[in-house]
Amino acid sequence: MNWPLFCALALAFGLVISNILLIKHAAKLKMPSSAKQPEGIADNTTTQRNTTQQSPAHDQTPNSPE
């Protein structure tokens, strides 16, 4: 077997194994829970909800399954 092919296969195999190990390690990590949300984020989500519930424009109709 020629050496460039062997090096390329070893590199690809090492990359796949390292990514699998990284995913397993990241799955064990715990995200810290915040005590409260910042007030700016809470206000922004309510305005987004209100704007999405507006009536459609004149040339648009709501999507309803028939």
N, C-alpha and C. Protein backbone atom coordinates (compact mmCIF):
# COMPACT_ATOMS: atom_id res chain seq x y z
N MET A 1 0.85 -1.17 0.00
CA MET A 1 0.00 0.00 0.00
C MET A 1 0.90 1.24 0.00
N ASN A 2 0.52 2.23 -0.77
CA ASN A 2 1.34 3.44 -0.81
C ASN A 2 1.02 4.34 0.39
N TRP A 3 2.02 5.10 0.81
CA TRP A 3 1.93 5.87 2.04
C TRP A 3 0.92 7.02 1.99
N PRO A 4 0.76 7.74 0.91
CA PRO A 4 -0.25 8.82 0.92
C PRO A 4 -1.67 8.30 1.15
N LEU A 5 -1.97 7.13 0.57
CA LEU A 5 -3.30 6.55 0.78
C LEU A 5 -3.48 6.13 2.23
N PHE A 6 -2.45 5.54 2.81
CA PHE A 6 -2.52 5.12 4.21
C PHE A 6 -2.68 6.33 5.13
N CYS A 7 -1.95 7.40 4.86
CA CYS A 7 -2.06 8.61 5.69
C CYS A 7 -3.45 9.24 5.55
N ALA A 8 -4.00 9.26 4.35
CA ALA A 8 -5.32 9.85 4.15
C ALA A 8 -6.39 9.02 4.86
N LEU A 9 -6.30 7.71 4.80
CA LEU A 9 -7.28 6.85 5.48
C LEU A 9 -7.15 6.98 7.00
N ALA A 10 -5.93 7.05 7.51
CA ALA A 10 -5.73 7.21 8.95
C ALA A 10 -6.28 8.56 9.43
N LEU A 11 -6.07 9.60 8.64
CA LEU A 11 -6.58 10.93 9.00
C LEU A 11 -8.11 10.94 8.99
N ALA A 12 -8.72 10.34 7.99
CA ALA A 12 -10.18 10.30 7.92
C ALA A 12 -10.76 9.49 9.08
N PHE A 13 -10.13 8.35 9.38
CA PHE A 13 -10.60 7.51 10.48
C PHE A 13 -10.47 8.25 11.82
N GLY A 14 -9.36 8.95 12.01
CA GLY A 14 -9.16 9.72 13.24
C GLY A 14 -10.15 10.85 13.37
N LEU A 15 -10.50 11.47 12.26
CA LEU A 15 -11.47 12.56 12.29
C LEU A 15 -12.86 12.06 12.69
N VAL A 16 -13.25 10.93 12.15
CA VAL A 16 -14.56 10.36 12.47
C VAL A 16 -14.60 9.95 13.95
N ILE A 17 -13.58 9.28 14.43
CA ILE A 17 -13.54 8.85 15.83
C ILE A 17 -13.53 10.05 16.77
N SER A 18 -12.76 11.10 16.45
CA SER A 18 -12.71 12.27 17.34
C SER A 18 -14.05 13.00 17.37
N ASN A 19 -14.77 13.05 16.25
CA ASN A 19 -16.08 13.70 16.25
C ASN A 19 -17.09 12.91 17.07
N ILE A 20 -17.03 11.59 17.00
CA ILE A 20 -17.93 10.76 17.81
C ILE A 20 -17.65 10.97 19.29
N LEU A 21 -16.38 10.99 19.67
CA LEU A 21 -16.03 11.21 21.07
C LEU A 21 -16.42 12.61 21.54
N LEU A 22 -16.31 13.60 20.67
CA LEU A 22 -16.71 14.96 21.03
C LEU A 22 -18.21 15.06 21.25
N ILE A 23 -18.99 14.39 20.43
CA ILE A 23 -20.44 14.40 20.60
C ILE A 23 -20.84 13.70 21.89
N LYS A 24 -20.18 12.60 22.21
CA LYS A 24 -20.48 11.90 23.47
C LYS A 24 -20.14 12.77 24.67
N HIS A 25 -19.03 13.50 24.59
CA HIS A 25 -18.63 14.37 25.69
C HIS A 25 -19.60 15.55 25.83
N ALA A 26 -20.02 16.12 24.71
CA ALA A 26 -20.92 17.28 24.75
C ALA A 26 -22.30 16.88 25.26
N ALA A 27 -22.71 15.63 25.07
CA ALA A 27 -24.01 15.19 25.55
C ALA A 27 -24.04 15.11 27.07
N LYS A 28 -22.89 14.94 27.70
CA LYS A 28 -22.83 14.83 29.15
C LYS A 28 -22.80 16.19 29.84
N LEU A 29 -22.53 17.25 29.11
CA LEU A 29 -22.43 18.58 29.71
C LEU A 29 -23.81 19.09 30.09
N LYS A 30 -23.87 19.81 31.20
CA LYS A 30 -25.12 20.40 31.67
C LYS A 30 -25.06 21.90 31.46
N MET A 31 -26.13 22.45 30.94
CA MET A 31 -26.22 23.88 30.75
C MET A 31 -26.71 24.51 32.05
N PRO A 32 -26.07 25.58 32.51
CA PRO A 32 -26.54 26.23 33.75
C PRO A 32 -27.88 26.91 33.52
N SER A 33 -28.78 26.74 34.46
CA SER A 33 -30.09 27.37 34.33
C SER A 33 -30.01 28.78 34.91
N SER A 34 -30.63 29.72 34.21
CA SER A 34 -30.61 31.09 34.69
C SER A 34 -31.76 31.29 35.67
N ALA A 35 -31.56 32.17 36.64
CA ALA A 35 -32.57 32.41 37.66
C ALA A 35 -33.79 33.11 37.07
N LYS A 36 -33.55 34.08 36.20
CA LYS A 36 -34.65 34.78 35.54
C LYS A 36 -34.18 35.25 34.18
N GLN A 37 -35.12 35.47 33.28
CA GLN A 37 -34.78 35.97 31.96
C GLN A 37 -34.63 37.48 32.02
N PRO A 38 -33.76 38.02 31.21
CA PRO A 38 -33.67 39.48 31.13
C PRO A 38 -35.00 40.06 30.64
N GLU A 39 -35.33 41.25 31.11
CA GLU A 39 -36.62 41.83 30.79
C GLU A 39 -36.76 42.16 29.31
N GLY A 40 -35.68 42.46 28.63
CA GLY A 40 -35.74 42.81 27.22
C GLY A 40 -36.18 41.62 26.37
N ILE A 41 -35.78 40.44 26.75
CA ILE A 41 -36.15 39.25 25.98
C ILE A 41 -37.63 38.94 26.16
N ALA A 42 -38.16 39.07 27.36
CA ALA A 42 -39.56 38.77 27.61
C ALA A 42 -40.47 39.74 26.86
N ASP A 43 -40.10 41.02 26.81
CA ASP A 43 -40.91 41.99 26.09
C ASP A 43 -40.88 41.74 24.59
N ASN A 44 -39.75 41.31 24.09
CA ASN A 44 -39.59 41.08 22.66
C ASN A 44 -40.44 39.89 22.19
N THR A 45 -40.56 38.83 23.02
CA THR A 45 -41.33 37.67 22.60
C THR A 45 -42.81 37.97 22.56
N THR A 46 -43.31 38.83 23.44
CA THR A 46 -44.74 39.14 23.41
C THR A 46 -45.08 39.98 22.19
N THR A 47 -44.20 40.87 21.78
CA THR A 47 -44.48 41.67 20.59
C THR A 47 -44.41 40.81 19.34
N GLN A 48 -43.53 39.83 19.32
CA GLN A 48 -43.47 38.94 18.16
C GLN A 48 -44.73 38.11 18.06
N ARG A 49 -45.25 37.64 19.18
CA ARG A 49 -46.47 36.84 19.16
C ARG A 49 -47.66 37.67 18.67
N ASN A 50 -47.71 38.92 19.08
CA ASN A 50 -48.82 39.77 18.67
C ASN A 50 -48.76 40.10 17.18
N THR A 51 -47.58 40.27 16.63
CA THR A 51 -47.48 40.62 15.22
C THR A 51 -47.79 39.43 14.33
N THR A 52 -47.56 38.22 14.79
CA THR A 52 -47.86 37.06 13.95
C THR A 52 -49.34 36.74 13.93
N GLN A 53 -50.11 37.26 14.88
CA GLN A 53 -51.54 36.96 14.93
C GLN A 53 -52.38 38.02 14.21
N GLN A 54 -51.76 38.89 13.47
CA GLN A 54 -52.50 39.90 12.73
C GLN A 54 -53.18 39.26 11.53
N SER A 55 -54.17 39.93 11.01
CA SER A 55 -54.89 39.41 9.85
C SER A 55 -53.99 39.46 8.61
N PRO A 56 -54.19 38.56 7.66
CA PRO A 56 -53.33 38.55 6.47
C PRO A 56 -53.58 39.76 5.58
N ALA A 57 -52.64 40.03 4.72
CA ALA A 57 -52.78 41.15 3.78
C ALA A 57 -53.88 40.83 2.78
N HIS A 58 -54.22 41.80 1.94
CA HIS A 58 -55.34 41.64 1.01
C HIS A 58 -55.11 40.50 0.02
N ASP A 59 -53.88 40.32 -0.46
CA ASP A 59 -53.63 39.30 -1.46
C ASP A 59 -53.23 37.96 -0.84
N GLN A 60 -53.23 37.85 0.47
CA GLN A 60 -52.85 36.61 1.13
C GLN A 60 -54.05 36.02 1.85
N THR A 61 -54.13 34.71 1.88
CA THR A 61 -55.18 34.04 2.61
C THR A 61 -54.54 33.10 3.63
N PRO A 62 -55.18 32.85 4.76
CA PRO A 62 -54.59 31.95 5.75
C PRO A 62 -54.55 30.52 5.21
N ASN A 63 -53.52 29.78 5.60
CA ASN A 63 -53.34 28.42 5.16
C ASN A 63 -54.18 27.49 6.03
N SER A 64 -55.20 26.87 5.48
CA SER A 64 -56.03 25.96 6.24
C SER A 64 -56.17 24.64 5.47
N PRO A 65 -55.94 23.51 6.14
CA PRO A 65 -56.08 22.23 5.43
C PRO A 65 -57.53 21.92 5.10
N GLU A 66 -57.75 21.32 3.98
CA GLU A 66 -59.11 21.00 3.57
C GLU A 66 -59.32 19.51 3.58
